Amino acid sequence: MKNAVVVVVTALFVSACCMGPRAKKEYEAAVASELARYPAQTKTYPAGPMTPRPWKVGQWTLSKVVRKGITGYERVGIVGQDASGWWVETVRQDSKQKSVTKVLFEKPPEAPKSGETPRAALDLVKLIITQTDGQPAQTIDMNGPQGQMMKSMLGTNFAAFQWSFGPAAEKKDVTVPAGTFQGTQPVFAKVQIAFITASATAWVHPAVPLNGGVRTEGSDGGVTELVAFGESGATSELR
């Protein structure tokens, strides 16, 4: 499924990184408030062909992330499109840190074929804007020196990235706060970053926009579950 690999790429890179700073009570409250906005759903989404949903401005997903005993959330949305390309923003927050990353893609990336690396998707990234804990935003031009260095570093990591779709026999129904998703497709991945090797399994479904992610389990015990999603309403925190 197109873009499904993004789910496990994200999980692997996050799980391979170190923990953030000390917990902040205001961050704990913000996480609890965000997740409480969306009560658990009982809707069932039937199985279907693993055909991706076309990108559309406004699409979004919200996932609950539990890693090493710390609960957070991840919100991903398509927040704009213009002559330059597509703007995709990811907000991650837990009790220790909040980060916002806004990426300009020339066009929606295609997932690599099973067994290939996602390195080609890097060439579609034109700008990256990041902000951490409310500090001034930093912009990286991927065609500039800093961007080229980042591409080289990420390209090296992607070269060690292995992934594949699970066999059809391993499709299963998965229940998460967003509902029950029948016939989800498993995606397996492994990456080595420096001296750390991480692996993850994700289950994806065509009803979910952006990357199809329903549930992801990492080798570090971390679990990501879909809480809510929509076809409209995504807005940017970075102006």
Protein backbone atom coordinates (compact mmCIF):
# COMPACT_ATOMS: atom_id res chain seq x y z
CA MET A 1 0.00 0.00 0.00
CA LYS A 2 1.40 3.37 -1.04
CA ASN A 3 2.88 5.34 1.88
CA ALA A 4 2.32 2.49 4.37
CA VAL A 5 6.07 2.23 4.83
CA VAL A 6 6.03 5.74 6.33
CA VAL A 7 4.33 4.28 9.41
CA VAL A 8 7.17 1.93 10.24
CA VAL A 9 9.91 4.36 9.18
CA THR A 10 8.60 6.85 11.73
CA ALA A 11 8.26 4.23 14.45
CA LEU A 12 11.77 2.94 13.92
CA PHE A 13 13.49 6.31 13.95
CA VAL A 14 11.62 7.42 17.07
CA SER A 15 12.28 4.16 18.93
CA ALA A 16 15.98 4.35 18.11
CA CYS A 17 16.35 7.82 19.63
CA CYS A 18 17.07 8.65 23.23
CA MET A 19 14.49 9.84 25.73
CA GLY A 20 13.69 13.54 26.01
CA PRO A 21 14.06 15.90 28.97
CA ARG A 22 12.23 15.73 32.28
CA ALA A 23 8.45 15.55 32.35
CA LYS A 24 6.42 18.77 32.39
CA LYS A 25 3.03 18.76 34.09
CA GLU A 26 1.57 21.15 31.51
CA TYR A 27 2.62 18.73 28.75
CA GLU A 28 1.02 15.80 30.57
CA ALA A 29 -2.22 17.80 30.79
CA ALA A 30 -2.03 18.77 27.10
CA VAL A 31 -1.61 15.15 26.03
CA ALA A 32 -4.51 13.99 28.19
CA SER A 33 -6.71 16.80 26.86
CA GLU A 34 -5.91 16.05 23.22
CA LEU A 35 -6.62 12.33 23.53
CA ALA A 36 -9.80 12.93 25.57
CA ARG A 37 -11.30 14.92 22.68
CA TYR A 38 -11.91 11.67 20.81
CA PRO A 39 -13.83 8.96 22.69
CA ALA A 40 -13.38 5.35 21.61
CA GLN A 41 -15.42 4.40 18.55
CA THR A 42 -17.34 1.19 17.83
CA LYS A 43 -17.53 1.61 14.05
CA THR A 44 -16.25 -1.27 11.91
CA TYR A 45 -14.35 -0.64 8.69
CA PRO A 46 -14.62 -3.58 6.28
CA ALA A 47 -11.65 -5.11 4.53
CA GLY A 48 -10.91 -3.90 1.03
CA PRO A 49 -8.23 -3.64 -1.64
CA MET A 50 -5.03 -2.07 -0.33
CA THR A 51 -5.51 0.95 -2.56
CA PRO A 52 -4.30 4.20 -1.01
CA ARG A 53 -6.54 7.18 -0.56
CA PRO A 54 -5.40 10.09 -2.76
CA TRP A 55 -3.84 12.94 -0.84
CA LYS A 56 -6.20 15.85 -0.16
CA VAL A 57 -5.66 19.03 1.81
CA GLY A 58 -7.32 18.67 5.20
CA GLN A 59 -6.73 14.95 5.74
CA TRP A 60 -5.44 14.06 9.21
CA THR A 61 -4.77 11.23 11.64
CA LEU A 62 -4.31 11.23 15.41
CA SER A 63 -2.55 8.35 17.16
CA LYS A 64 -1.82 7.52 20.78
CA VAL A 65 1.81 6.61 21.38
CA VAL A 66 2.97 4.67 24.45
CA ARG A 67 6.70 4.12 24.70
CA LYS A 68 8.78 3.21 27.76
CA GLY A 69 5.86 3.99 30.05
CA ILE A 70 5.31 7.47 28.60
CA THR A 71 2.05 8.35 26.83
CA GLY A 72 1.94 10.86 24.02
CA TYR A 73 0.23 11.55 20.75
CA GLU A 74 1.12 12.04 17.10
CA ARG A 75 -1.03 14.14 14.78
CA VAL A 76 -0.30 14.13 11.04
CA GLY A 77 -2.12 16.30 8.55
CA ILE A 78 -1.96 17.64 5.02
CA VAL A 79 -2.13 21.34 5.77
CA GLY A 80 -1.62 22.93 2.38
CA GLN A 81 -0.92 22.63 -1.33
CA ASP A 82 0.42 25.23 -3.72
CA ALA A 83 2.59 25.50 -6.80
CA SER A 84 5.57 24.35 -4.71
CA GLY A 85 3.98 21.08 -3.62
CA TRP A 86 2.25 19.50 -0.62
CA TRP A 87 2.71 20.56 3.01
CA VAL A 88 2.51 17.73 5.56
CA GLU A 89 2.76 18.59 9.25
CA THR A 90 3.47 16.20 12.13
CA VAL A 91 2.95 17.20 15.76
CA ARG A 92 4.39 14.90 18.42
CA GLN A 93 3.93 15.52 22.11
CA ASP A 94 4.43 13.56 25.30
CA SER A 95 5.04 14.59 28.90
CA LYS A 96 8.62 15.63 28.11
CA GLN A 97 8.65 17.32 24.74
CA LYS A 98 6.57 18.80 21.93
CA SER A 99 7.84 18.96 18.38
CA VAL A 100 6.27 20.22 15.17
CA THR A 101 7.70 19.24 11.79
CA LYS A 102 6.34 20.67 8.55
CA VAL A 103 7.59 19.11 5.32
CA LEU A 104 7.12 20.35 1.76
CA PHE A 105 6.89 17.45 -0.71
CA GLU A 106 7.13 18.10 -4.44
CA LYS A 107 4.42 15.44 -4.83
CA PRO A 108 2.99 12.59 -2.74
CA PRO A 109 5.75 9.98 -2.31
CA GLU A 110 5.38 6.46 -3.61
CA ALA A 111 6.23 3.67 -1.20
CA PRO A 112 9.10 1.49 -2.43
CA LYS A 113 8.44 -2.03 -3.55
CA SER A 114 8.81 -4.74 -0.93
CA GLY A 115 12.48 -5.15 -0.11
CA GLU A 116 13.52 -1.76 -1.53
CA THR A 117 14.52 1.26 0.56
CA PRO A 118 12.49 4.49 0.78
CA ARG A 119 15.52 6.62 -0.08
CA ALA A 120 13.98 7.92 -3.32
CA ALA A 121 11.31 9.73 -1.30
CA LEU A 122 14.02 12.05 0.04
CA ASP A 123 14.37 13.62 -3.39
CA LEU A 124 10.75 14.79 -3.16
CA VAL A 125 11.39 16.78 0.03
CA LYS A 126 12.03 20.46 -0.72
CA LEU A 127 11.81 22.15 2.70
CA ILE A 128 11.63 21.06 6.34
CA ILE A 129 10.47 23.44 9.08
CA THR A 130 10.91 22.29 12.67
CA GLN A 131 9.98 23.70 16.05
CA THR A 132 10.64 22.19 19.49
CA ASP A 133 9.00 23.26 22.74
CA GLY A 134 7.83 26.58 21.34
CA GLN A 135 11.30 27.77 20.36
CA PRO A 136 11.78 29.74 17.11
CA ALA A 137 11.16 27.57 14.05
CA GLN A 138 14.12 26.40 12.00
CA THR A 139 13.91 26.00 8.21
CA ILE A 140 16.08 23.62 6.22
CA ASP A 141 16.30 23.99 2.45
CA MET A 142 16.89 20.43 1.25
CA ASN A 143 18.76 21.76 -1.78
CA GLY A 144 21.13 23.77 0.39
CA PRO A 145 24.28 22.56 2.21
CA GLN A 146 22.45 21.64 5.43
CA GLY A 147 19.74 19.86 3.50
CA GLN A 148 22.23 17.92 1.42
CA MET A 149 24.01 16.83 4.59
CA MET A 150 20.70 15.67 6.06
CA LYS A 151 19.86 13.77 2.88
CA SER A 152 23.24 12.05 3.03
CA MET A 153 22.73 11.05 6.67
CA LEU A 154 19.17 9.83 6.15
CA GLY A 155 20.17 8.10 2.93
CA THR A 156 22.79 6.11 4.83
CA ASN A 157 20.19 5.04 7.38
CA PHE A 158 17.69 4.17 4.67
CA ALA A 159 20.32 2.02 2.96
CA ALA A 160 20.20 -0.22 6.04
CA PHE A 161 16.39 -0.19 6.10
CA GLN A 162 14.59 -3.45 5.28
CA TRP A 163 10.84 -3.84 4.97
CA SER A 164 8.20 -6.10 3.46
CA PHE A 165 4.48 -6.71 3.37
CA GLY A 166 3.29 -9.72 5.32
CA PRO A 167 1.53 -12.54 3.44
CA ALA A 168 -2.20 -12.28 2.84
CA ALA A 169 -2.75 -15.10 5.33
CA GLU A 170 -1.47 -12.82 8.10
CA LYS A 171 -4.07 -10.12 7.52
CA LYS A 172 -6.21 -9.67 10.61
CA ASP A 173 -8.89 -7.55 12.26
CA VAL A 174 -7.47 -4.88 14.56
CA THR A 175 -9.45 -2.91 17.16
CA VAL A 176 -8.08 0.45 18.31
CA PRO A 177 -9.74 3.57 19.79
CA ALA A 178 -10.71 4.72 16.27
CA GLY A 179 -12.73 1.52 15.68
CA THR A 180 -12.32 -1.99 14.30
CA PHE A 181 -10.48 -2.39 11.02
CA GLN A 182 -11.04 -5.69 9.25
CA GLY A 183 -8.36 -7.37 7.17
CA THR A 184 -5.50 -5.02 8.02
CA GLN A 185 -2.26 -5.64 6.12
CA PRO A 186 0.89 -6.25 8.20
CA VAL A 187 4.10 -4.43 7.26
CA PHE A 188 7.41 -5.56 8.75
CA ALA A 189 10.51 -3.38 8.96
CA LYS A 190 13.98 -3.22 10.47
CA VAL A 191 16.63 -0.51 10.47
CA GLN A 192 20.07 -0.01 11.97
CA ILE A 193 20.99 3.49 13.16
CA ALA A 194 24.57 3.71 14.40
CA PHE A 195 24.86 0.81 16.85
CA ILE A 196 21.13 0.47 17.44
CA THR A 197 18.95 -2.00 15.55
CA ALA A 198 15.20 -1.48 15.73
CA SER A 199 12.29 -3.33 14.20
CA ALA A 200 8.55 -2.74 14.00
CA THR A 201 5.36 -4.25 12.69
CA ALA A 202 2.54 -2.04 11.47
CA TRP A 203 -1.01 -2.91 10.44
CA VAL A 204 -2.49 -0.68 7.74
CA HIS A 205 -5.97 -0.26 6.25
CA PRO A 206 -7.19 1.58 3.12
CA ALA A 207 -9.87 3.50 5.04
CA VAL A 208 -7.18 5.53 6.82
CA PRO A 209 -5.75 8.54 4.94
CA LEU A 210 -2.11 9.53 4.61
CA ASN A 211 -0.27 6.36 5.56
CA GLY A 212 -3.00 3.88 6.44
CA GLY A 213 -1.59 3.26 9.91
CA VAL A 214 -3.89 1.55 12.42
CA ARG A 215 -1.46 0.03 14.93
CA THR A 216 2.32 -0.23 15.18
CA GLU A 217 4.39 -2.33 17.59
CA GLY A 218 8.08 -1.58 18.01
CA SER A 219 10.89 -3.81 19.20
CA ASP A 220 11.33 -1.48 22.18
CA GLY A 221 7.82 -2.33 23.38
CA GLY A 222 6.35 0.91 22.07
CA VAL A 223 2.80 0.82 20.71
CA THR A 224 1.05 3.34 18.47
CA GLU A 225 -2.74 3.13 18.01
CA LEU A 226 -5.04 5.17 15.79
CA VAL A 227 -7.41 7.34 17.84
CA ALA A 228 -9.20 9.34 15.14
CA PHE A 229 -8.89 10.46 11.52
CA GLY A 230 -10.66 12.60 8.98
CA GLU A 231 -10.79 13.80 5.40
CA SER A 232 -10.92 17.48 6.32
CA GLY A 233 -10.02 19.85 9.11
CA ALA A 234 -6.21 19.63 9.29
CA THR A 235 -4.59 22.97 10.15
CA SER A 236 -1.00 24.03 10.73
CA GLU A 237 0.49 25.07 14.07
CA LEU A 238 3.34 26.76 12.18
CA ARG A 239 2.41 29.94 10.35
